[in-house]
Amino acid sequence: MSEEATTSGVARVRQALSDAGIQTIVMEMPASTRTAKEAAAVIGCSVAAIAKSLVFRGVITDRAVLVIASGANRVHEETVARLLGEPIERANPEFVRTATGYAIGGVPPVAHMHILPVWIDRDLFQFEHVWAAAGTPFAVFSVRPDDLKRATGGEVADLRS
């Protein structure tokens, strides 16, 4: 990805957060935050405090759905399918980029190319702040779970497998 594309992705996240009234700083990290484990190590927080953005594809409608899960949790896909009202499957990288405008490993919870249905892992609400990707595998921001819910329009659910 070019530096310009990277910058514009982070800029879209900053703008979306600002538009939602969320006061936070998007931080560009010196090492990869692509996975929840990597992010936690670089940030210095628990893996559970990482809000990982996972994109699934509705098998019937071909629509994208975003799940924001605790980095420590495996998502119970049958629960997501029930909430969406159709079977789901993990989205491939091209589908993720088309739906969100971001590559896997940097998908933020906001500022997507299309409006997506969003479910948020209830386990994230045990933290005062959680950390999420900000458009690249090296950019993150912290956010209060209630603000994350408000900014995404997400529904809170028990999603842990």
Protein backbone atom coordinates (compact mmCIF):
# COMPACT_ATOMS: atom_id res chain seq x y z
CA MET A 1 0.00 0.00 0.00
CA SER A 2 1.36 3.42 -0.88
CA GLU A 3 2.17 5.99 1.79
CA GLU A 4 -0.60 8.21 0.37
CA ALA A 5 -3.21 5.42 0.65
CA THR A 6 -2.05 4.68 4.18
CA THR A 7 -2.27 8.33 5.16
CA SER A 8 -5.73 8.75 3.63
CA GLY A 9 -7.01 5.68 5.50
CA VAL A 10 -5.76 7.00 8.82
CA ALA A 11 -7.13 10.45 7.94
CA ARG A 12 -10.59 8.93 7.27
CA VAL A 13 -10.48 7.26 10.69
CA ARG A 14 -9.42 10.50 12.40
CA GLN A 15 -12.23 12.36 10.65
CA ALA A 16 -14.85 9.74 11.53
CA LEU A 17 -13.79 9.80 15.18
CA SER A 18 -13.88 13.60 15.23
CA ASP A 19 -17.30 13.62 13.54
CA ALA A 20 -18.56 11.22 16.25
CA GLY A 21 -17.29 13.57 18.95
CA ILE A 22 -14.64 11.13 20.14
CA GLN A 23 -11.57 12.84 21.50
CA THR A 24 -8.65 10.49 21.02
CA ILE A 25 -5.26 10.43 19.39
CA VAL A 26 -4.51 8.08 16.52
CA MET A 27 -1.03 6.76 17.21
CA GLU A 28 1.33 5.39 14.57
CA MET A 29 3.26 2.60 16.27
CA PRO A 30 6.88 1.54 15.60
CA ALA A 31 5.94 -2.13 15.20
CA SER A 32 3.04 -4.06 13.71
CA THR A 33 -0.35 -4.05 15.42
CA ARG A 34 -1.83 -6.36 12.77
CA THR A 35 -2.93 -9.04 15.26
CA ALA A 36 -4.44 -8.58 18.72
CA LYS A 37 -1.36 -10.18 20.26
CA GLU A 38 1.02 -7.88 18.38
CA ALA A 39 -1.10 -4.82 19.22
CA ALA A 40 -1.21 -5.65 22.92
CA ALA A 41 2.57 -6.14 23.01
CA VAL A 42 3.28 -2.82 21.29
CA ILE A 43 0.67 -0.85 23.25
CA GLY A 44 1.42 -2.51 26.59
CA CYS A 45 -2.12 -3.63 27.41
CA SER A 46 -3.85 -6.97 27.78
CA VAL A 47 -4.90 -8.82 24.63
CA ALA A 48 -8.47 -8.69 25.95
CA ALA A 49 -8.41 -4.86 25.72
CA ILE A 50 -7.83 -4.98 21.96
CA ALA A 51 -11.02 -4.36 19.95
CA LYS A 52 -10.36 -6.44 16.86
CA SER A 53 -12.48 -5.74 13.78
CA LEU A 54 -13.51 -8.91 11.97
CA VAL A 55 -15.47 -8.91 8.73
CA PHE A 56 -17.79 -11.76 7.81
CA ARG A 57 -19.81 -12.33 4.63
CA GLY A 58 -23.48 -13.24 4.63
CA VAL A 59 -23.68 -16.40 2.51
CA ILE A 60 -27.18 -15.65 1.14
CA THR A 61 -27.09 -11.88 0.64
CA ASP A 62 -23.33 -11.43 0.12
CA ARG A 63 -23.42 -8.52 2.57
CA ALA A 64 -20.58 -7.66 4.90
CA VAL A 65 -20.98 -7.63 8.67
CA LEU A 66 -18.51 -6.24 11.17
CA VAL A 67 -17.83 -7.90 14.50
CA ILE A 68 -15.77 -5.94 17.02
CA ALA A 69 -14.46 -8.56 19.42
CA SER A 70 -12.14 -8.68 22.39
CA GLY A 71 -8.71 -9.72 21.21
CA ALA A 72 -8.73 -12.56 23.73
CA ASN A 73 -11.94 -14.07 22.37
CA ARG A 74 -12.74 -16.36 19.52
CA VAL A 75 -16.03 -15.30 17.92
CA HIS A 76 -18.93 -17.76 18.05
CA GLU A 77 -19.86 -17.63 14.37
CA GLU A 78 -23.21 -19.35 14.87
CA THR A 79 -24.25 -16.50 17.18
CA VAL A 80 -23.28 -13.91 14.57
CA ALA A 81 -25.19 -15.87 11.90
CA ARG A 82 -28.27 -15.94 14.14
CA LEU A 83 -28.01 -12.19 14.77
CA LEU A 84 -27.57 -11.47 11.05
CA GLY A 85 -30.35 -13.87 10.07
CA GLU A 86 -28.30 -15.93 7.63
CA PRO A 87 -25.26 -18.22 7.52
CA ILE A 88 -21.91 -16.43 7.48
CA GLU A 89 -18.36 -17.17 6.46
CA ARG A 90 -15.04 -15.44 7.00
CA ALA A 91 -14.55 -12.80 4.34
CA ASN A 92 -11.56 -13.03 2.02
CA PRO A 93 -9.10 -10.11 1.76
CA GLU A 94 -10.64 -8.68 -1.42
CA PHE A 95 -14.15 -8.73 0.08
CA VAL A 96 -12.86 -7.01 3.25
CA ARG A 97 -11.12 -4.27 1.26
CA THR A 98 -14.19 -3.68 -0.94
CA ALA A 99 -16.58 -3.52 2.02
CA THR A 100 -14.42 -1.44 4.34
CA GLY A 101 -11.75 0.28 2.26
CA TYR A 102 -9.04 -1.26 4.46
CA ALA A 103 -6.79 -4.31 4.37
CA ILE A 104 -7.04 -7.07 6.96
CA GLY A 105 -4.84 -6.18 9.92
CA GLY A 106 -5.74 -2.49 9.79
CA VAL A 107 -9.54 -2.54 9.59
CA PRO A 108 -10.88 0.11 11.95
CA PRO A 109 -14.30 -0.05 13.60
CA VAL A 110 -15.33 3.20 11.81
CA ALA A 111 -14.90 5.02 8.46
CA HIS A 112 -15.83 2.16 6.14
CA MET A 113 -16.62 2.42 2.44
CA HIS A 114 -20.12 1.07 3.08
CA ILE A 115 -22.48 1.06 6.04
CA LEU A 116 -22.19 -2.31 7.76
CA PRO A 117 -24.24 -4.01 10.43
CA VAL A 118 -22.03 -4.07 13.54
CA TRP A 119 -21.99 -6.27 16.62
CA ILE A 120 -19.73 -5.54 19.57
CA ASP A 121 -18.44 -8.14 22.00
CA ARG A 122 -19.92 -7.51 25.45
CA ASP A 123 -16.55 -8.48 27.00
CA LEU A 124 -15.02 -5.19 25.78
CA PHE A 125 -17.22 -3.30 28.25
CA GLN A 126 -15.18 -4.53 31.22
CA PHE A 127 -12.49 -1.99 30.26
CA GLU A 128 -12.47 1.77 30.70
CA HIS A 129 -10.71 2.08 27.32
CA VAL A 130 -10.04 -0.40 24.52
CA TRP A 131 -7.64 -0.14 21.59
CA ALA A 132 -8.67 -0.47 17.94
CA ALA A 133 -6.99 -0.37 14.54
CA ALA A 134 -6.92 3.01 12.85
CA GLY A 135 -6.63 2.09 9.18
CA THR A 136 -3.22 0.45 8.90
CA PRO A 137 -1.37 -2.40 10.64
CA PHE A 138 0.69 0.26 12.45
CA ALA A 139 -1.99 2.73 13.61
CA VAL A 140 -4.23 2.45 16.67
CA PHE A 141 -6.45 4.57 18.89
CA SER A 142 -8.01 4.16 22.30
CA VAL A 143 -11.72 4.60 22.91
CA ARG A 144 -14.25 4.06 25.66
CA PRO A 145 -16.50 1.09 24.80
CA ASP A 146 -19.65 3.24 25.10
CA ASP A 147 -18.17 5.71 22.59
CA LEU A 148 -17.27 2.82 20.29
CA LYS A 149 -20.87 1.65 20.42
CA ARG A 150 -22.18 5.12 19.69
CA ALA A 151 -19.72 5.78 16.84
CA THR A 152 -20.41 2.46 15.10
CA GLY A 153 -24.11 2.15 15.81
CA GLY A 154 -23.23 -1.37 16.91
CA GLU A 155 -25.33 -3.74 18.95
CA VAL A 156 -23.73 -5.31 22.02
CA ALA A 157 -23.95 -9.09 22.24
CA ASP A 158 -22.34 -12.12 23.85
CA LEU A 159 -20.13 -13.25 20.98
CA ARG A 160 -17.48 -15.34 22.69
CA SER A 161 -17.08 -18.93 21.56
